[in-house]
Amino acid sequence: MRFAHLITTPGSAPSLVAVKEDRFVPVEVLGVSFSTLQQLIEAGPQALSSVGEAAESVPLDEWTPLEGAVYAPAAIGSPIVLAVGLNYDEHASELSLDNDSGPVLFSLFPNSLGANGGEVPIPTRLSEEVDYEGELGVIIGKAAKNVTAEEALDHVFGYTVINDITARNIQFQEPQWSRCKSFDGFTPIGPVVVTADEIPDPQALHLTTDVDGLRVQDSTTGFMIRTVAQLISSISQSLTLLPGTVISTGSPGGAGRSRKPPLYLRPGTHVTVTIEGIGALSSVCTEAHFPA
């Protein structure tokens, strides 16, 4: 199944919907009262099964067209958003950073989460080196602690698309990476979360990023240094991955910093990250406003 958060009337809170083809239906119609995907995940597999069965009973012509829909972030209220750095050799090389010691792990702050079709404020007063990073996002479905790589994918609820936007000048000024990637709106996520049963192999997904129509990243998740299963297993040895945890699994090569001349995001720039089997996550960059 596919789930999204949509703002169905101006000024209203986001609501959880099921998505099929180019249409959606609120989950309330499917017999449950969850307002966020996080609540559905926490309710367990039986709740998901119930929603799936109900969705199959609703004729497609009774679903509402998505045209003109306003998206909210595909993850709302997650326990934490974790990001993995340098998980593709080409990206590590183009940034001249070492990736030999193990997964580079950092957290992304909730204020950074953005929506498909939403705005990414570019804080030009603080950074003129704002870069894109198309990444596969993983949503944990059941708690994972000390799991093996063979067990790890059983703990996945689903997958989504993430653009892990980064202020490069700040990244290279500070020893940790959370702040440079957690400006308001720097983590667009969506448009949907696709349940794990629809993605049999997360290491066989084509990933592209386009900036103003220029193809700047073109790779597959098969080039990850550490697979999704290996990442979950490794992280779970030191902490419990709670249901709803989001893991952004790293970016392939092609970052704007590595291009000659560098290609950084500016107000007015349009960015689209597309992952096979999930969809296209689009954002428009705007000028961040600071108090006078």
Protein backbone atom coordinates (compact mmCIF):
# COMPACT_ATOMS: atom_id res chain seq x y z
CA MET A 1 0.00 0.00 0.00
CA ARG A 2 0.91 3.66 -0.30
CA PHE A 3 0.23 6.28 2.34
CA ALA A 4 0.55 10.06 2.36
CA HIS A 5 -0.36 13.00 4.55
CA LEU A 6 -2.56 15.48 2.71
CA ILE A 7 -3.99 18.87 3.65
CA THR A 8 -7.47 18.40 2.23
CA THR A 9 -8.87 21.85 3.08
CA PRO A 10 -6.94 25.14 3.42
CA GLY A 11 -5.67 25.66 6.96
CA SER A 12 -6.58 22.17 8.12
CA ALA A 13 -4.24 19.72 9.82
CA PRO A 14 -2.73 17.02 7.62
CA SER A 15 -4.71 13.81 7.41
CA LEU A 16 -3.56 10.29 6.62
CA VAL A 17 -4.72 8.90 3.28
CA ALA A 18 -4.20 5.77 1.26
CA VAL A 19 -3.01 6.36 -2.30
CA LYS A 20 -3.71 4.22 -5.35
CA GLU A 21 -2.58 5.25 -8.82
CA ASP A 22 -3.51 8.96 -9.03
CA ARG A 23 -6.24 8.88 -6.39
CA PHE A 24 -6.58 8.86 -2.62
CA VAL A 25 -9.04 7.94 0.10
CA PRO A 26 -8.91 9.10 3.75
CA VAL A 27 -8.19 6.23 6.11
CA GLU A 28 -11.35 7.13 8.07
CA VAL A 29 -13.29 5.80 5.09
CA LEU A 30 -11.36 2.56 5.57
CA GLY A 31 -12.63 2.12 9.11
CA VAL A 32 -9.78 3.50 11.23
CA SER A 33 -9.27 6.84 12.97
CA PHE A 34 -5.51 7.34 12.66
CA SER A 35 -4.52 10.91 11.79
CA THR A 36 -0.85 10.10 11.09
CA LEU A 37 1.13 7.25 9.65
CA GLN A 38 3.00 7.07 12.95
CA GLN A 39 -0.23 6.09 14.71
CA LEU A 40 -0.93 3.40 12.13
CA ILE A 41 2.58 1.99 12.49
CA GLU A 42 2.32 1.93 16.28
CA ALA A 43 -1.01 0.08 16.03
CA GLY A 44 0.82 -2.89 14.53
CA PRO A 45 0.51 -5.19 11.52
CA GLN A 46 -3.12 -6.15 12.18
CA ALA A 47 -4.17 -2.50 11.76
CA LEU A 48 -2.30 -2.29 8.45
CA SER A 49 -3.91 -5.52 7.28
CA SER A 50 -7.35 -4.17 8.19
CA VAL A 51 -6.74 -0.96 6.25
CA GLY A 52 -5.52 -2.94 3.25
CA GLU A 53 -8.57 -5.17 3.19
CA ALA A 54 -10.89 -2.18 3.48
CA ALA A 55 -9.09 -0.36 0.67
CA GLU A 56 -9.60 -3.32 -1.65
CA SER A 57 -13.35 -3.10 -1.08
CA VAL A 58 -13.62 0.55 -2.19
CA PRO A 59 -14.00 0.92 -5.99
CA LEU A 60 -11.31 3.11 -7.52
CA ASP A 61 -13.85 5.53 -8.96
CA GLU A 62 -14.87 6.37 -5.38
CA TRP A 63 -11.33 7.52 -4.56
CA THR A 64 -10.59 11.24 -4.94
CA PRO A 65 -8.19 12.45 -7.68
CA LEU A 66 -4.83 13.62 -6.34
CA GLU A 67 -4.66 16.48 -8.84
CA GLY A 68 -4.15 19.72 -6.91
CA ALA A 69 -3.60 17.91 -3.59
CA VAL A 70 -1.43 19.67 -1.01
CA TYR A 71 1.05 17.32 0.61
CA ALA A 72 2.46 17.38 4.12
CA PRO A 73 5.66 15.50 5.04
CA ALA A 74 5.27 11.75 4.55
CA ALA A 75 6.56 11.24 8.12
CA ILE A 76 4.95 13.13 11.00
CA GLY A 77 5.72 12.49 14.67
CA SER A 78 8.49 9.95 14.08
CA PRO A 79 10.57 9.12 17.19
CA ILE A 80 13.67 10.31 15.33
CA VAL A 81 15.00 10.84 11.83
CA LEU A 82 18.43 9.27 11.46
CA ALA A 83 20.70 9.91 8.49
CA VAL A 84 23.62 7.87 7.22
CA GLY A 85 26.52 9.70 5.63
CA LEU A 86 29.03 8.50 3.06
CA ASN A 87 27.19 5.29 2.19
CA TYR A 88 28.19 5.41 -1.48
CA ASP A 89 31.88 5.37 -2.43
CA GLU A 90 31.47 7.93 -5.21
CA HIS A 91 29.87 10.47 -2.86
CA ALA A 92 32.52 9.96 -0.18
CA SER A 93 35.23 10.43 -2.78
CA GLU A 94 33.75 13.59 -4.26
CA LEU A 95 33.60 15.14 -0.78
CA SER A 96 37.11 13.85 0.07
CA LEU A 97 35.82 12.23 3.26
CA ASP A 98 36.72 8.88 4.84
CA ASN A 99 34.01 6.22 5.01
CA ASP A 100 36.10 3.28 6.23
CA SER A 101 35.32 3.37 9.96
CA GLY A 102 31.66 2.33 9.82
CA PRO A 103 28.29 4.01 9.22
CA VAL A 104 28.44 7.77 9.73
CA LEU A 105 25.26 8.43 11.73
CA PHE A 106 23.60 11.71 12.70
CA SER A 107 20.11 12.97 13.47
CA LEU A 108 17.91 15.42 11.57
CA PHE A 109 15.72 17.79 13.56
CA PRO A 110 11.90 17.69 13.12
CA ASN A 111 11.74 21.30 11.87
CA SER A 112 13.72 20.22 8.80
CA LEU A 113 11.00 17.94 7.45
CA GLY A 114 9.30 19.25 4.31
CA ALA A 115 6.64 18.07 1.89
CA ASN A 116 6.40 17.11 -1.74
CA GLY A 117 5.66 20.28 -3.68
CA GLY A 118 6.76 22.39 -0.74
CA GLU A 119 9.26 25.19 -0.36
CA VAL A 120 12.87 24.89 0.80
CA PRO A 121 13.99 28.21 2.34
CA ILE A 122 17.58 28.95 1.34
CA PRO A 123 19.36 30.93 4.11
CA THR A 124 21.69 32.84 1.78
CA ARG A 125 22.83 35.03 4.68
CA LEU A 126 24.37 31.92 6.28
CA SER A 127 25.18 29.72 3.31
CA GLU A 128 25.57 30.08 -0.44
CA GLU A 129 26.64 26.43 -0.68
CA VAL A 130 23.32 24.63 -0.18
CA ASP A 131 23.46 21.21 -1.85
CA TYR A 132 21.02 18.43 -2.76
CA GLU A 133 21.32 14.72 -1.85
CA GLY A 134 18.74 12.26 -3.17
CA GLU A 135 18.32 9.33 -0.79
CA LEU A 136 16.19 6.27 -0.07
CA GLY A 137 14.27 6.63 3.19
CA VAL A 138 13.42 3.60 5.35
CA ILE A 139 10.57 3.57 7.90
CA ILE A 140 10.91 1.11 10.79
CA GLY A 141 7.74 -0.88 11.48
CA LYS A 142 8.56 -2.80 14.64
CA ALA A 143 11.23 -2.23 17.25
CA ALA A 144 14.66 -3.48 16.23
CA LYS A 145 17.35 -4.26 18.80
CA ASN A 146 20.39 -6.47 18.16
CA VAL A 147 18.88 -7.81 14.94
CA THR A 148 20.95 -9.62 12.33
CA ALA A 149 21.14 -8.46 8.73
CA GLU A 150 19.06 -11.52 7.81
CA GLU A 151 16.30 -10.40 10.21
CA ALA A 152 16.52 -6.67 9.55
CA LEU A 153 14.11 -6.23 6.65
CA ASP A 154 11.36 -7.90 8.69
CA HIS A 155 11.44 -4.75 10.83
CA VAL A 156 10.77 -2.37 7.92
CA PHE A 157 7.32 -0.83 7.50
CA GLY A 158 8.06 0.89 4.21
CA TYR A 159 10.15 3.16 2.05
CA THR A 160 10.04 6.77 0.89
CA VAL A 161 12.09 9.41 -0.94
CA ILE A 162 14.26 11.96 0.90
CA ASN A 163 16.27 14.97 -0.25
CA ASP A 164 18.96 15.40 2.42
CA ILE A 165 19.74 19.06 1.73
CA THR A 166 23.03 20.31 3.20
CA ALA A 167 24.73 23.64 3.84
CA ARG A 168 28.19 22.53 2.76
CA ASN A 169 30.16 25.45 4.23
CA ILE A 170 28.72 24.70 7.67
CA GLN A 171 29.24 20.95 7.20
CA PHE A 172 32.97 21.50 6.75
CA GLN A 173 33.22 24.03 9.59
CA GLU A 174 31.73 21.81 12.32
CA PRO A 175 32.60 18.30 13.60
CA GLN A 176 28.99 17.11 13.52
CA TRP A 177 26.47 17.29 10.68
CA SER A 178 23.07 17.69 12.31
CA ARG A 179 22.90 21.49 12.11
CA CYS A 180 24.09 21.84 8.51
CA LYS A 181 21.30 19.49 7.40
CA SER A 182 18.53 20.61 9.76
CA PHE A 183 17.68 24.12 8.64
CA ASP A 184 13.94 24.63 8.30
CA GLY A 185 12.66 22.64 5.34
CA PHE A 186 16.00 21.00 4.53
CA THR A 187 14.59 17.44 4.60
CA PRO A 188 11.78 17.07 2.07
CA ILE A 189 10.25 13.60 2.45
CA GLY A 190 7.58 11.86 0.38
CA PRO A 191 5.41 12.10 -1.54
CA VAL A 192 4.31 8.72 -0.18
CA VAL A 193 5.47 5.86 2.01
CA VAL A 194 5.27 2.55 0.15
CA THR A 195 4.86 -0.52 2.36
CA ALA A 196 7.69 -3.03 2.34
CA ASP A 197 5.71 -5.74 0.56
CA GLU A 198 5.76 -3.59 -2.60
CA ILE A 199 9.58 -3.21 -2.51
CA PRO A 200 10.94 -6.78 -2.45
CA ASP A 201 14.55 -5.64 -2.88
CA PRO A 202 15.53 -2.17 -1.57
CA GLN A 203 18.95 -2.63 -3.21
CA ALA A 204 17.52 -2.68 -6.73
CA LEU A 205 15.98 0.79 -7.03
CA HIS A 206 16.92 3.38 -9.64
CA LEU A 207 17.49 6.83 -8.08
CA THR A 208 17.77 10.14 -9.94
CA THR A 209 17.93 13.81 -8.99
CA ASP A 210 17.10 16.67 -11.36
CA VAL A 211 17.90 20.34 -10.71
CA ASP A 212 16.02 22.73 -12.99
CA GLY A 213 15.63 19.91 -15.49
CA LEU A 214 19.31 18.88 -15.42
CA ARG A 215 19.96 15.25 -14.42
CA VAL A 216 22.62 15.53 -11.70
CA GLN A 217 22.35 12.15 -9.94
CA ASP A 218 21.66 8.88 -11.75
CA SER A 219 22.43 5.74 -9.78
CA THR A 220 20.89 2.76 -8.02
CA THR A 221 20.62 1.70 -4.40
CA GLY A 222 22.68 -1.33 -5.40
CA PHE A 223 25.78 0.84 -5.02
CA MET A 224 25.27 1.35 -1.28
CA ILE A 225 28.35 0.39 0.71
CA ARG A 226 26.12 -0.94 3.49
CA THR A 227 22.75 -2.29 2.46
CA VAL A 228 19.51 -1.31 4.15
CA ALA A 229 19.60 -4.61 6.07
CA GLN A 230 23.20 -4.07 7.15
CA LEU A 231 22.47 -0.51 8.28
CA ILE A 232 19.51 -1.57 10.40
CA SER A 233 21.50 -4.41 11.93
CA SER A 234 24.51 -2.20 12.67
CA ILE A 235 22.51 0.65 14.19
CA SER A 236 20.39 -1.74 16.28
CA GLN A 237 23.47 -3.08 18.06
CA SER A 238 23.84 0.21 19.94
CA LEU A 239 20.27 1.49 20.20
CA THR A 240 16.70 0.36 19.80
CA LEU A 241 15.13 1.50 16.55
CA LEU A 242 11.59 2.36 17.57
CA PRO A 243 8.53 1.96 15.33
CA GLY A 244 8.25 4.93 12.98
CA THR A 245 11.96 5.75 13.04
CA VAL A 246 13.07 7.16 9.69
CA ILE A 247 16.51 6.28 8.30
CA SER A 248 17.89 8.23 5.36
CA THR A 249 20.34 5.78 3.84
CA GLY A 250 22.89 8.00 2.09
CA SER A 251 23.36 9.70 -1.24
CA PRO A 252 25.05 8.50 -4.43
CA GLY A 253 27.58 10.62 -6.29
CA GLY A 254 26.77 13.75 -8.22
CA ALA A 255 26.47 16.32 -5.43
CA GLY A 256 26.51 19.95 -6.49
CA ARG A 257 29.75 20.61 -4.60
CA SER A 258 31.60 18.16 -6.86
CA ARG A 259 30.53 19.76 -10.14
CA LYS A 260 32.70 22.25 -12.01
CA PRO A 261 31.60 24.89 -11.47
CA PRO A 262 29.71 23.86 -8.30
CA LEU A 263 25.93 23.67 -8.65
CA TYR A 264 24.27 24.92 -5.48
CA LEU A 265 20.59 25.51 -4.76
CA ARG A 266 19.35 29.09 -5.11
CA PRO A 267 15.99 30.76 -4.58
CA GLY A 268 13.90 29.78 -7.59
CA THR A 269 15.62 26.42 -8.14
CA HIS A 270 13.40 23.35 -8.63
CA VAL A 271 14.67 19.96 -7.41
CA THR A 272 13.11 16.54 -8.02
CA VAL A 273 14.36 13.27 -6.52
CA THR A 274 12.82 10.15 -8.06
CA ILE A 275 13.14 6.58 -6.81
CA GLU A 276 11.85 3.62 -8.77
CA GLY A 277 8.77 2.04 -7.25
CA ILE A 278 8.11 4.96 -4.90
CA GLY A 279 7.72 8.18 -6.85
CA ALA A 280 9.02 11.71 -7.40
CA LEU A 281 9.67 14.19 -4.58
CA SER A 282 9.72 17.78 -5.85
CA SER A 283 10.67 21.00 -4.08
CA VAL A 284 11.06 24.66 -4.99
CA CYS A 285 13.74 26.75 -3.31
CA THR A 286 12.83 30.16 -1.90
CA GLU A 287 14.68 32.91 -0.07
CA ALA A 288 14.73 32.38 3.70
CA HIS A 289 13.55 35.47 5.54
CA PHE A 290 15.34 36.80 8.61
CA PRO A 291 14.06 39.45 11.03
CA ALA A 292 15.20 42.94 10.05
